[in-house]
Amino acid sequence: IFTINLNIFIRTILLTFSFLWFTYLGTQIGEDYVAANAILINLVFLSAFILDAYAFSTEGIVGYSLGKKDLNLFKKIIKNSFILSSVTGLIISILFFFSHNSLINLMSDINEIRILSSSYVVWLIILPIISSFCYQFDGIFIGASQTKELRNAMIFSVLIYLLISIMLTKFLLNTGIWISLCIFMILRAISLFYYLDKIYLRFRSN
């Protein structure tokens, strides 16, 4: 239990750091960009809370399927959770597309910040779809108690994210910050997918 919680703690610290780094990169460009990014990232967090609900539900059923050694149930969980999460992510993106002006106006009364936020709203629209996959993988690996892999995947993703974000921010400024965040979410999903076979192996073991 201690090892599982330690791995989750390290993973959470790194995840928190990645968003602090996102804010730090904005400070290197200008205060207005920090404010504009803060509005959009809070809406990203809102979508994350919604999509995480599927991950939380997945955790318990994954643990149950492993306990029963029911591989078919596990496969159904993965399939259904990814379908529900990605479809919900698409719906959230569509809602953001049609309502982003109202949401930005609600969160700021400074016209310059509103205009600047609107310039980068495309990232707000595409992030729910991109990030839905890594959220579901988080739920699957936590449910399977494969927290070592969860930790290692996060270490890898954060390190690559740091390197890419430094380069992209230098050449693309604030657009580079948002591209880096999207890449970070993709890296989280890809790195956990790499470890997925370790869960399947547990169904074959006695």
C-alpha atoms as a PDB file:
ATOM      1  CA  ILE A   1       0.000   0.000   0.000  1.00  0.00           C
ATOM      2  CA  PHE A   2       2.854   2.368   0.854  1.00  0.00           C
ATOM      3  CA  THR A   3       4.602   1.697  -2.472  1.00  0.00           C
ATOM      4  CA  ILE A   4       1.384   2.230  -4.448  1.00  0.00           C
ATOM      5  CA  ASN A   5       0.707   5.542  -2.722  1.00  0.00           C
ATOM      6  CA  LEU A   6       4.322   6.677  -3.082  1.00  0.00           C
ATOM      7  CA  ASN A   7       4.215   6.069  -6.827  1.00  0.00           C
ATOM      8  CA  ILE A   8       0.910   7.923  -7.149  1.00  0.00           C
ATOM      9  CA  PHE A   9       2.339  10.759  -5.044  1.00  0.00           C
ATOM     10  CA  ILE A  10       5.389  11.095  -7.332  1.00  0.00           C
ATOM     11  CA  ARG A  11       3.150  10.970 -10.390  1.00  0.00           C
ATOM     12  CA  THR A  12       0.842  13.656  -8.954  1.00  0.00           C
ATOM     13  CA  ILE A  13       3.749  15.923  -7.998  1.00  0.00           C
ATOM     14  CA  LEU A  14       5.095  15.699 -11.545  1.00  0.00           C
ATOM     15  CA  LEU A  15       1.654  16.371 -13.030  1.00  0.00           C
ATOM     16  CA  THR A  16       1.220  19.421 -10.804  1.00  0.00           C
ATOM     17  CA  PHE A  17       4.690  20.619 -11.757  1.00  0.00           C
ATOM     18  CA  SER A  18       3.846  20.332 -15.465  1.00  0.00           C
ATOM     19  CA  PHE A  19       0.978  22.806 -15.080  1.00  0.00           C
ATOM     20  CA  LEU A  20       3.112  25.127 -12.959  1.00  0.00           C
ATOM     21  CA  TRP A  21       5.681  24.966 -15.756  1.00  0.00           C
ATOM     22  CA  PHE A  22       2.923  25.875 -18.220  1.00  0.00           C
ATOM     23  CA  THR A  23       2.230  29.025 -16.179  1.00  0.00           C
ATOM     24  CA  TYR A  24       5.944  29.784 -15.821  1.00  0.00           C
ATOM     25  CA  LEU A  25       6.417  29.690 -19.599  1.00  0.00           C
ATOM     26  CA  GLY A  26       3.640  32.265 -19.937  1.00  0.00           C
ATOM     27  CA  THR A  27       5.463  34.622 -17.549  1.00  0.00           C
ATOM     28  CA  GLN A  28       8.438  34.567 -19.911  1.00  0.00           C
ATOM     29  CA  ILE A  29       6.275  36.078 -22.652  1.00  0.00           C
ATOM     30  CA  GLY A  30       4.182  38.636 -20.745  1.00  0.00           C
ATOM     31  CA  GLU A  31       1.624  39.203 -18.008  1.00  0.00           C
ATOM     32  CA  ASP A  32      -1.265  39.437 -20.450  1.00  0.00           C
ATOM     33  CA  TYR A  33      -0.444  35.966 -21.765  1.00  0.00           C
ATOM     34  CA  VAL A  34      -0.397  34.569 -18.228  1.00  0.00           C
ATOM     35  CA  ALA A  35      -3.887  35.980 -17.633  1.00  0.00           C
ATOM     36  CA  ALA A  36      -5.226  34.758 -20.978  1.00  0.00           C
ATOM     37  CA  ASN A  37      -3.757  31.299 -20.479  1.00  0.00           C
ATOM     38  CA  ALA A  38      -5.168  31.138 -16.942  1.00  0.00           C
ATOM     39  CA  ILE A  39      -8.698  31.620 -18.290  1.00  0.00           C
ATOM     40  CA  LEU A  40      -8.307  28.889 -20.890  1.00  0.00           C
ATOM     41  CA  ILE A  41      -6.470  26.412 -18.644  1.00  0.00           C
ATOM     42  CA  ASN A  42      -9.228  26.670 -16.032  1.00  0.00           C
ATOM     43  CA  LEU A  43     -11.729  25.669 -18.695  1.00  0.00           C
ATOM     44  CA  VAL A  44      -9.402  22.788 -19.615  1.00  0.00           C
ATOM     45  CA  PHE A  45      -9.458  21.730 -15.950  1.00  0.00           C
ATOM     46  CA  LEU A  46     -13.259  21.868 -16.028  1.00  0.00           C
ATOM     47  CA  SER A  47     -13.327  19.434 -18.942  1.00  0.00           C
ATOM     48  CA  ALA A  48     -10.782  17.245 -17.114  1.00  0.00           C
ATOM     49  CA  PHE A  49     -13.090  16.938 -14.088  1.00  0.00           C
ATOM     50  CA  ILE A  50     -15.890  15.739 -16.351  1.00  0.00           C
ATOM     51  CA  LEU A  51     -13.728  13.237 -18.246  1.00  0.00           C
ATOM     52  CA  ASP A  52     -12.073  11.979 -15.058  1.00  0.00           C
ATOM     53  CA  ALA A  53     -15.452  10.679 -13.910  1.00  0.00           C
ATOM     54  CA  TYR A  54     -15.096   7.853 -16.457  1.00  0.00           C
ATOM     55  CA  ALA A  55     -11.579   7.121 -15.196  1.00  0.00           C
ATOM     56  CA  PHE A  56     -12.811   6.905 -11.595  1.00  0.00           C
ATOM     57  CA  SER A  57     -15.576   4.505 -12.628  1.00  0.00           C
ATOM     58  CA  THR A  58     -13.101   2.428 -14.594  1.00  0.00           C
ATOM     59  CA  GLU A  59     -10.740   1.954 -11.627  1.00  0.00           C
ATOM     60  CA  GLY A  60     -13.078  -0.212  -9.577  1.00  0.00           C
ATOM     61  CA  ILE A  61     -14.219  -2.390 -12.471  1.00  0.00           C
ATOM     62  CA  VAL A  62     -10.629  -2.948 -13.648  1.00  0.00           C
ATOM     63  CA  GLY A  63      -9.694  -4.124 -10.162  1.00  0.00           C
ATOM     64  CA  TYR A  64     -12.734  -6.411 -10.096  1.00  0.00           C
ATOM     65  CA  SER A  65     -11.900  -7.920 -13.504  1.00  0.00           C
ATOM     66  CA  LEU A  66      -8.331  -8.638 -12.386  1.00  0.00           C
ATOM     67  CA  GLY A  67      -9.538 -10.237  -9.161  1.00  0.00           C
ATOM     68  CA  LYS A  68     -11.901 -12.489 -11.129  1.00  0.00           C
ATOM     69  CA  LYS A  69      -9.312 -13.086 -13.880  1.00  0.00           C
ATOM     70  CA  ASP A  70     -12.002 -12.071 -16.355  1.00  0.00           C
ATOM     71  CA  LEU A  71     -10.109 -10.941 -19.454  1.00  0.00           C
ATOM     72  CA  ASN A  72     -13.277 -10.435 -21.515  1.00  0.00           C
ATOM     73  CA  LEU A  73     -14.670  -8.057 -18.900  1.00  0.00           C
ATOM     74  CA  PHE A  74     -11.371  -6.142 -18.849  1.00  0.00           C
ATOM     75  CA  LYS A  75     -11.424  -5.759 -22.644  1.00  0.00           C
ATOM     76  CA  LYS A  76     -15.017  -4.521 -22.509  1.00  0.00           C
ATOM     77  CA  ILE A  77     -14.073  -1.987 -19.822  1.00  0.00           C
ATOM     78  CA  ILE A  78     -11.244  -0.594 -21.934  1.00  0.00           C
ATOM     79  CA  LYS A  79     -13.368  -0.430 -25.087  1.00  0.00           C
ATOM     80  CA  ASN A  80     -16.417   1.149 -23.438  1.00  0.00           C
ATOM     81  CA  SER A  81     -14.472   3.608 -21.306  1.00  0.00           C
ATOM     82  CA  PHE A  82     -12.486   4.914 -24.261  1.00  0.00           C
ATOM     83  CA  ILE A  83     -15.607   5.228 -26.411  1.00  0.00           C
ATOM     84  CA  LEU A  84     -17.531   7.089 -23.688  1.00  0.00           C
ATOM     85  CA  SER A  85     -14.580   9.314 -22.817  1.00  0.00           C
ATOM     86  CA  SER A  86     -13.688  10.253 -26.400  1.00  0.00           C
ATOM     87  CA  VAL A  87     -17.321  10.917 -27.347  1.00  0.00           C
ATOM     88  CA  THR A  88     -17.756  13.061 -24.233  1.00  0.00           C
ATOM     89  CA  GLY A  89     -14.519  14.873 -25.069  1.00  0.00           C
ATOM     90  CA  LEU A  90     -15.875  15.578 -28.552  1.00  0.00           C
ATOM     91  CA  ILE A  91     -19.139  16.913 -27.082  1.00  0.00           C
ATOM     92  CA  ILE A  92     -17.217  19.181 -24.689  1.00  0.00           C
ATOM     93  CA  SER A  93     -15.111  20.459 -27.599  1.00  0.00           C
ATOM     94  CA  ILE A  94     -18.244  21.254 -29.587  1.00  0.00           C
ATOM     95  CA  LEU A  95     -19.752  23.068 -26.580  1.00  0.00           C
ATOM     96  CA  PHE A  96     -16.541  25.072 -26.146  1.00  0.00           C
ATOM     97  CA  PHE A  97     -16.582  25.922 -29.849  1.00  0.00           C
ATOM     98  CA  PHE A  98     -20.055  27.447 -29.655  1.00  0.00           C
ATOM     99  CA  SER A  99     -19.837  29.005 -26.183  1.00  0.00           C
ATOM    100  CA  HIS A 100     -16.201  30.069 -25.753  1.00  0.00           C
ATOM    101  CA  ASN A 101     -16.965  33.782 -26.123  1.00  0.00           C
ATOM    102  CA  SER A 102     -19.541  33.669 -23.344  1.00  0.00           C
ATOM    103  CA  LEU A 103     -17.247  31.639 -21.085  1.00  0.00           C
ATOM    104  CA  ILE A 104     -14.291  33.970 -21.615  1.00  0.00           C
ATOM    105  CA  ASN A 105     -16.457  37.036 -21.006  1.00  0.00           C
ATOM    106  CA  LEU A 106     -17.741  35.422 -17.822  1.00  0.00           C
ATOM    107  CA  MET A 107     -14.215  34.834 -16.523  1.00  0.00           C
ATOM    108  CA  SER A 108     -12.683  38.223 -17.327  1.00  0.00           C
ATOM    109  CA  ASP A 109     -13.879  41.830 -17.467  1.00  0.00           C
ATOM    110  CA  ILE A 110     -10.741  43.123 -19.198  1.00  0.00           C
ATOM    111  CA  ASN A 111     -11.321  43.451 -22.911  1.00  0.00           C
ATOM    112  CA  GLU A 112      -7.664  43.037 -23.898  1.00  0.00           C
ATOM    113  CA  ILE A 113      -7.442  39.740 -22.009  1.00  0.00           C
ATOM    114  CA  ARG A 114     -10.682  38.531 -23.584  1.00  0.00           C
ATOM    115  CA  ILE A 115      -9.347  39.225 -27.082  1.00  0.00           C
ATOM    116  CA  LEU A 116      -6.028  37.540 -26.306  1.00  0.00           C
ATOM    117  CA  SER A 117      -7.772  34.484 -24.846  1.00  0.00           C
ATOM    118  CA  SER A 118      -9.943  34.208 -27.953  1.00  0.00           C
ATOM    119  CA  SER A 119      -6.788  34.087 -30.081  1.00  0.00           C
ATOM    120  CA  TYR A 120      -5.812  30.768 -28.502  1.00  0.00           C
ATOM    121  CA  VAL A 121      -9.248  29.235 -28.040  1.00  0.00           C
ATOM    122  CA  VAL A 122      -8.496  26.584 -30.683  1.00  0.00           C
ATOM    123  CA  TRP A 123      -6.386  24.762 -28.076  1.00  0.00           C
ATOM    124  CA  LEU A 124      -9.266  24.834 -25.628  1.00  0.00           C
ATOM    125  CA  ILE A 125     -11.421  23.186 -28.280  1.00  0.00           C
ATOM    126  CA  ILE A 126      -9.045  20.362 -29.242  1.00  0.00           C
ATOM    127  CA  LEU A 127      -7.614  19.517 -25.797  1.00  0.00           C
ATOM    128  CA  PRO A 128     -10.677  17.645 -24.412  1.00  0.00           C
ATOM    129  CA  ILE A 129     -10.474  15.138 -27.267  1.00  0.00           C
ATOM    130  CA  ILE A 130      -6.692  14.737 -27.038  1.00  0.00           C
ATOM    131  CA  SER A 131      -6.562  14.448 -23.251  1.00  0.00           C
ATOM    132  CA  SER A 132      -9.489  12.029 -22.902  1.00  0.00           C
ATOM    133  CA  PHE A 133      -7.220   9.073 -23.715  1.00  0.00           C
ATOM    134  CA  CYS A 134      -4.558   9.722 -21.059  1.00  0.00           C
ATOM    135  CA  TYR A 135      -7.253  10.227 -18.392  1.00  0.00           C
ATOM    136  CA  GLN A 136      -8.690   6.801 -19.162  1.00  0.00           C
ATOM    137  CA  PHE A 137      -5.277   5.153 -19.082  1.00  0.00           C
ATOM    138  CA  ASP A 138      -4.748   6.710 -15.641  1.00  0.00           C
ATOM    139  CA  GLY A 139      -7.937   5.060 -14.403  1.00  0.00           C
ATOM    140  CA  ILE A 140      -6.996   1.697 -15.899  1.00  0.00           C
ATOM    141  CA  PHE A 141      -3.510   1.628 -14.363  1.00  0.00           C
ATOM    142  CA  ILE A 142      -4.649   2.870 -10.959  1.00  0.00           C
ATOM    143  CA  GLY A 143      -7.415   0.262 -10.936  1.00  0.00           C
ATOM    144  CA  ALA A 144      -4.865  -2.420 -11.799  1.00  0.00           C
ATOM    145  CA  SER A 145      -2.461  -1.088  -9.113  1.00  0.00           C
ATOM    146  CA  GLN A 146       0.212  -0.760 -11.812  1.00  0.00           C
ATOM    147  CA  THR A 147       1.449   2.462 -10.241  1.00  0.00           C
ATOM    148  CA  LYS A 148       5.122   1.871 -11.008  1.00  0.00           C
ATOM    149  CA  GLU A 149       4.311   2.058 -14.704  1.00  0.00           C
ATOM    150  CA  LEU A 150       2.091   5.079 -14.065  1.00  0.00           C
ATOM    151  CA  ARG A 151       5.004   6.812 -12.334  1.00  0.00           C
ATOM    152  CA  ASN A 152       7.546   5.905 -15.022  1.00  0.00           C
ATOM    153  CA  ALA A 153       5.236   7.014 -17.831  1.00  0.00           C
ATOM    154  CA  MET A 154       4.742  10.375 -16.127  1.00  0.00           C
ATOM    155  CA  ILE A 155       8.500  10.849 -15.608  1.00  0.00           C
ATOM    156  CA  PHE A 156       9.104  10.157 -19.301  1.00  0.00           C
ATOM    157  CA  SER A 157       6.248  12.435 -20.425  1.00  0.00           C
ATOM    158  CA  VAL A 158       7.288  15.348 -18.216  1.00  0.00           C
ATOM    159  CA  LEU A 159      10.948  15.180 -19.280  1.00  0.00           C
ATOM    160  CA  ILE A 160      10.063  15.198 -22.983  1.00  0.00           C
ATOM    161  CA  TYR A 161       7.457  17.902 -22.348  1.00  0.00           C
ATOM    162  CA  LEU A 162      10.066  20.139 -20.698  1.00  0.00           C
ATOM    163  CA  LEU A 163      12.494  19.803 -23.596  1.00  0.00           C
ATOM    164  CA  ILE A 164       9.847  20.322 -26.282  1.00  0.00           C
ATOM    165  CA  SER A 165       8.202  23.259 -24.489  1.00  0.00           C
ATOM    166  CA  ILE A 166      11.503  25.130 -24.140  1.00  0.00           C
ATOM    167  CA  MET A 167      12.186  24.825 -27.865  1.00  0.00           C
ATOM    168  CA  LEU A 168       8.646  25.540 -29.073  1.00  0.00           C
ATOM    169  CA  THR A 169       8.152  28.515 -26.749  1.00  0.00           C
ATOM    170  CA  LYS A 170      11.396  30.020 -28.013  1.00  0.00           C
ATOM    171  CA  PHE A 171      10.253  29.908 -31.638  1.00  0.00           C
ATOM    172  CA  LEU A 172       6.428  30.025 -31.424  1.00  0.00           C
ATOM    173  CA  LEU A 173       5.901  31.936 -28.146  1.00  0.00           C
ATOM    174  CA  ASN A 174       2.461  31.304 -26.625  1.00  0.00           C
ATOM    175  CA  THR A 175       1.357  29.014 -29.440  1.00  0.00           C
ATOM    176  CA  GLY A 176       4.380  26.883 -28.591  1.00  0.00           C
ATOM    177  CA  ILE A 177       3.211  26.625 -24.971  1.00  0.00           C
ATOM    178  CA  TRP A 178      -0.172  25.243 -26.030  1.00  0.00           C
ATOM    179  CA  ILE A 179       1.295  22.873 -28.611  1.00  0.00           C
ATOM    180  CA  SER A 180       3.637  21.568 -25.908  1.00  0.00           C
ATOM    181  CA  LEU A 181       0.702  20.924 -23.570  1.00  0.00           C
ATOM    182  CA  CYS A 182      -1.096  18.961 -26.282  1.00  0.00           C
ATOM    183  CA  ILE A 183       2.049  16.924 -26.921  1.00  0.00           C
ATOM    184  CA  PHE A 184       2.324  16.273 -23.176  1.00  0.00           C
ATOM    185  CA  MET A 185      -1.185  14.802 -23.095  1.00  0.00           C
ATOM    186  CA  ILE A 186      -0.404  12.625 -26.114  1.00  0.00           C
ATOM    187  CA  LEU A 187       2.862  11.448 -24.532  1.00  0.00           C
ATOM    188  CA  ARG A 188       1.009  10.430 -21.367  1.00  0.00           C
ATOM    189  CA  ALA A 189      -1.359   8.251 -23.394  1.00  0.00           C
ATOM    190  CA  ILE A 190       1.351   6.718 -25.609  1.00  0.00           C
ATOM    191  CA  SER A 191       3.682   5.914 -22.702  1.00  0.00           C
ATOM    192  CA  LEU A 192       0.891   4.191 -20.751  1.00  0.00           C
ATOM    193  CA  PHE A 193      -0.225   2.296 -23.850  1.00  0.00           C
ATOM    194  CA  TYR A 194       3.340   0.964 -24.034  1.00  0.00           C
ATOM    195  CA  TYR A 195       2.885  -0.597 -20.588  1.00  0.00           C
ATOM    196  CA  LEU A 196      -0.615  -1.975 -21.229  1.00  0.00           C
ATOM    197  CA  ASP A 197       0.660  -5.488 -21.992  1.00  0.00           C
ATOM    198  CA  LYS A 198       1.854  -5.779 -18.380  1.00  0.00           C
ATOM    199  CA  ILE A 199      -1.772  -5.734 -17.264  1.00  0.00           C
ATOM    200  CA  TYR A 200      -2.758  -8.339 -19.854  1.00  0.00           C
ATOM    201  CA  LEU A 201       0.033 -10.619 -18.598  1.00  0.00           C
ATOM    202  CA  ARG A 202      -1.565 -10.656 -15.159  1.00  0.00           C
ATOM    203  CA  PHE A 203      -4.640 -12.399 -16.607  1.00  0.00           C
ATOM    204  CA  ARG A 204      -2.422 -15.232 -17.880  1.00  0.00           C
ATOM    205  CA  SER A 205      -0.538 -15.706 -14.609  1.00  0.00           C
ATOM    206  CA  ASN A 206      -1.755 -18.058 -11.879  1.00  0.00           C
END
